[in-house]
Structures are given as C-alpha cells and as structure tokens.
C-alpha cells in the first residue's frame, strides 16, 4: 500500500501540486490525467522514489513511454500527453 498525506511536489522554485492525499492498495490500476506541465511525471517520480521520468517546467517533455519501477509492487507507465 502507498499512502500520501498532504504531499506537495514540484521542481526548483515551482510547486505544481499542493496538499495531495491518497492511498493505493496492492493490485490497483489508476490513471493520472492532467494538463501538460501539471506535474504528472514529477508525481510519478516521487511515488517511485527515483528520478526516472524526464521532467521539465514546459509542456511536452515526455516524448515516449517510460516505465518507472521502484520495486516489485509498484510499476508506473508514463506516456506523453496531447499537445
């Protein structure tokens, strides 16, 4: 299980997600949807505990599919959005 409580995420001097709380049980499948540059890949990196997904402060940084694997229980697929 993954639990986040009042999580703030961002990069450098810009916070893109404020006060996020959720829990994920083992075996769950979820979709994370948001506008370009909203912090989706940044959140995925935070969940994986690694800087695997390429992120930036402009839209369109994610160019192709990226699998983020932090352990045997968490696998995240990051895909490009629609510009």
C-alpha atoms as a PDB file:
ATOM      1  CA  UNK A   1       0.000   0.000   0.000  1.00  0.00           C
ATOM      2  CA  UNK A   2       1.115   3.521  -0.757  1.00  0.00           C
ATOM      3  CA  UNK A   3      -0.249   6.364   1.343  1.00  0.00           C
ATOM      4  CA  UNK A   4       0.345  10.058   0.678  1.00  0.00           C
ATOM      5  CA  UNK A   5      -0.836  12.704   3.109  1.00  0.00           C
ATOM      6  CA  UNK A   6      -0.620  16.430   2.338  1.00  0.00           C
ATOM      7  CA  UNK A   7       2.012  15.927  -0.376  1.00  0.00           C
ATOM      8  CA  UNK A   8       3.455  18.968  -2.169  1.00  0.00           C
ATOM      9  CA  UNK A   9       5.516  18.361  -5.311  1.00  0.00           C
ATOM     10  CA  UNK A  10       7.275  20.458  -7.899  1.00  0.00           C
ATOM     11  CA  UNK A  11      10.647  21.342  -9.297  1.00  0.00           C
ATOM     12  CA  UNK A  12      13.164  24.018  -8.421  1.00  0.00           C
ATOM     13  CA  UNK A  13      11.143  27.053  -7.315  1.00  0.00           C
ATOM     14  CA  UNK A  14       7.722  25.971  -8.647  1.00  0.00           C
ATOM     15  CA  UNK A  15       5.266  23.820  -6.668  1.00  0.00           C
ATOM     16  CA  UNK A  16       2.798  22.226  -9.094  1.00  0.00           C
ATOM     17  CA  UNK A  17       0.734  20.040  -6.738  1.00  0.00           C
ATOM     18  CA  UNK A  18      -0.437  21.292  -3.342  1.00  0.00           C
ATOM     19  CA  UNK A  19      -1.762  19.240  -0.415  1.00  0.00           C
ATOM     20  CA  UNK A  20      -2.377  15.940  -2.279  1.00  0.00           C
ATOM     21  CA  UNK A  21      -3.628  12.983  -0.216  1.00  0.00           C
ATOM     22  CA  UNK A  22      -4.483   9.463  -1.427  1.00  0.00           C
ATOM     23  CA  UNK A  23      -3.920   5.760  -0.812  1.00  0.00           C
ATOM     24  CA  UNK A  24      -3.247   2.971  -3.306  1.00  0.00           C
ATOM     25  CA  UNK A  25      -3.759  -0.692  -2.475  1.00  0.00           C
ATOM     26  CA  UNK A  26      -1.688  -3.505  -3.984  1.00  0.00           C
ATOM     27  CA  UNK A  27      -3.061  -4.579  -7.358  1.00  0.00           C
ATOM     28  CA  UNK A  28      -4.829  -1.281  -8.083  1.00  0.00           C
ATOM     29  CA  UNK A  29      -4.709   0.259 -11.549  1.00  0.00           C
ATOM     30  CA  UNK A  30      -5.159   4.022 -11.762  1.00  0.00           C
ATOM     31  CA  UNK A  31      -4.916   6.729 -14.410  1.00  0.00           C
ATOM     32  CA  UNK A  32      -3.330  10.090 -13.691  1.00  0.00           C
ATOM     33  CA  UNK A  33      -4.712  12.715 -16.037  1.00  0.00           C
ATOM     34  CA  UNK A  34      -3.809  16.382 -16.182  1.00  0.00           C
ATOM     35  CA  UNK A  35      -2.804  19.286 -18.350  1.00  0.00           C
ATOM     36  CA  UNK A  36       0.670  19.487 -19.882  1.00  0.00           C
ATOM     37  CA  UNK A  37       3.166  20.696 -17.296  1.00  0.00           C
ATOM     38  CA  UNK A  38       0.794  19.975 -14.402  1.00  0.00           C
ATOM     39  CA  UNK A  39       3.276  17.709 -12.606  1.00  0.00           C
ATOM     40  CA  UNK A  40       2.151  14.189 -13.604  1.00  0.00           C
ATOM     41  CA  UNK A  41       5.664  12.888 -14.312  1.00  0.00           C
ATOM     42  CA  UNK A  42       7.005  14.687 -11.261  1.00  0.00           C
ATOM     43  CA  UNK A  43       4.391  12.926  -9.097  1.00  0.00           C
ATOM     44  CA  UNK A  44       5.303   9.583 -10.679  1.00  0.00           C
ATOM     45  CA  UNK A  45       8.978  10.152  -9.840  1.00  0.00           C
ATOM     46  CA  UNK A  46       8.016  10.994  -6.272  1.00  0.00           C
ATOM     47  CA  UNK A  47       5.920   7.819  -5.954  1.00  0.00           C
ATOM     48  CA  UNK A  48       8.710   5.681  -7.402  1.00  0.00           C
ATOM     49  CA  UNK A  49      11.230   7.356  -5.093  1.00  0.00           C
ATOM     50  CA  UNK A  50      13.548   7.926  -8.043  1.00  0.00           C
ATOM     51  CA  UNK A  51      14.175  10.498 -10.769  1.00  0.00           C
ATOM     52  CA  UNK A  52      13.398   8.215 -13.697  1.00  0.00           C
ATOM     53  CA  UNK A  53      10.753  10.088 -15.688  1.00  0.00           C
ATOM     54  CA  UNK A  54      12.178  13.059 -17.571  1.00  0.00           C
ATOM     55  CA  UNK A  55      10.501  16.230 -16.317  1.00  0.00           C
ATOM     56  CA  UNK A  56      10.645  19.916 -17.095  1.00  0.00           C
ATOM     57  CA  UNK A  57       8.829  23.170 -16.500  1.00  0.00           C
ATOM     58  CA  UNK A  58       7.410  23.312 -20.021  1.00  0.00           C
ATOM     59  CA  UNK A  59       4.796  21.179 -21.813  1.00  0.00           C
ATOM     60  CA  UNK A  60       5.775  18.249 -23.991  1.00  0.00           C
ATOM     61  CA  UNK A  61       8.809  16.959 -22.091  1.00  0.00           C
ATOM     62  CA  UNK A  62       7.575  13.352 -22.011  1.00  0.00           C
ATOM     63  CA  UNK A  63       8.308  12.164 -25.554  1.00  0.00           C
ATOM     64  CA  UNK A  64       7.616   8.423 -25.317  1.00  0.00           C
ATOM     65  CA  UNK A  65       6.516   5.701 -22.943  1.00  0.00           C
ATOM     66  CA  UNK A  66       8.629   5.365 -19.816  1.00  0.00           C
ATOM     67  CA  UNK A  67       8.283   2.548 -17.284  1.00  0.00           C
ATOM     68  CA  UNK A  68       9.152   3.541 -13.725  1.00  0.00           C
ATOM     69  CA  UNK A  69       9.744   0.560 -11.443  1.00  0.00           C
ATOM     70  CA  UNK A  70      10.631   1.186  -7.831  1.00  0.00           C
ATOM     71  CA  UNK A  71      10.111  -2.354  -6.577  1.00  0.00           C
ATOM     72  CA  UNK A  72       8.130  -5.494  -7.387  1.00  0.00           C
ATOM     73  CA  UNK A  73       4.907  -3.921  -6.085  1.00  0.00           C
ATOM     74  CA  UNK A  74       4.975  -0.592  -7.951  1.00  0.00           C
ATOM     75  CA  UNK A  75       5.167  -0.179 -11.713  1.00  0.00           C
ATOM     76  CA  UNK A  76       4.218   3.127 -13.325  1.00  0.00           C
ATOM     77  CA  UNK A  77       3.820   3.806 -17.043  1.00  0.00           C
ATOM     78  CA  UNK A  78       4.373   7.438 -18.014  1.00  0.00           C
ATOM     79  CA  UNK A  79       3.139   8.355 -21.507  1.00  0.00           C
ATOM     80  CA  UNK A  80       3.125  11.626 -23.457  1.00  0.00           C
ATOM     81  CA  UNK A  81       0.060  13.804 -23.336  1.00  0.00           C
ATOM     82  CA  UNK A  82      -1.659  15.514 -26.220  1.00  0.00           C
ATOM     83  CA  UNK A  83      -0.280  18.949 -27.058  1.00  0.00           C
END
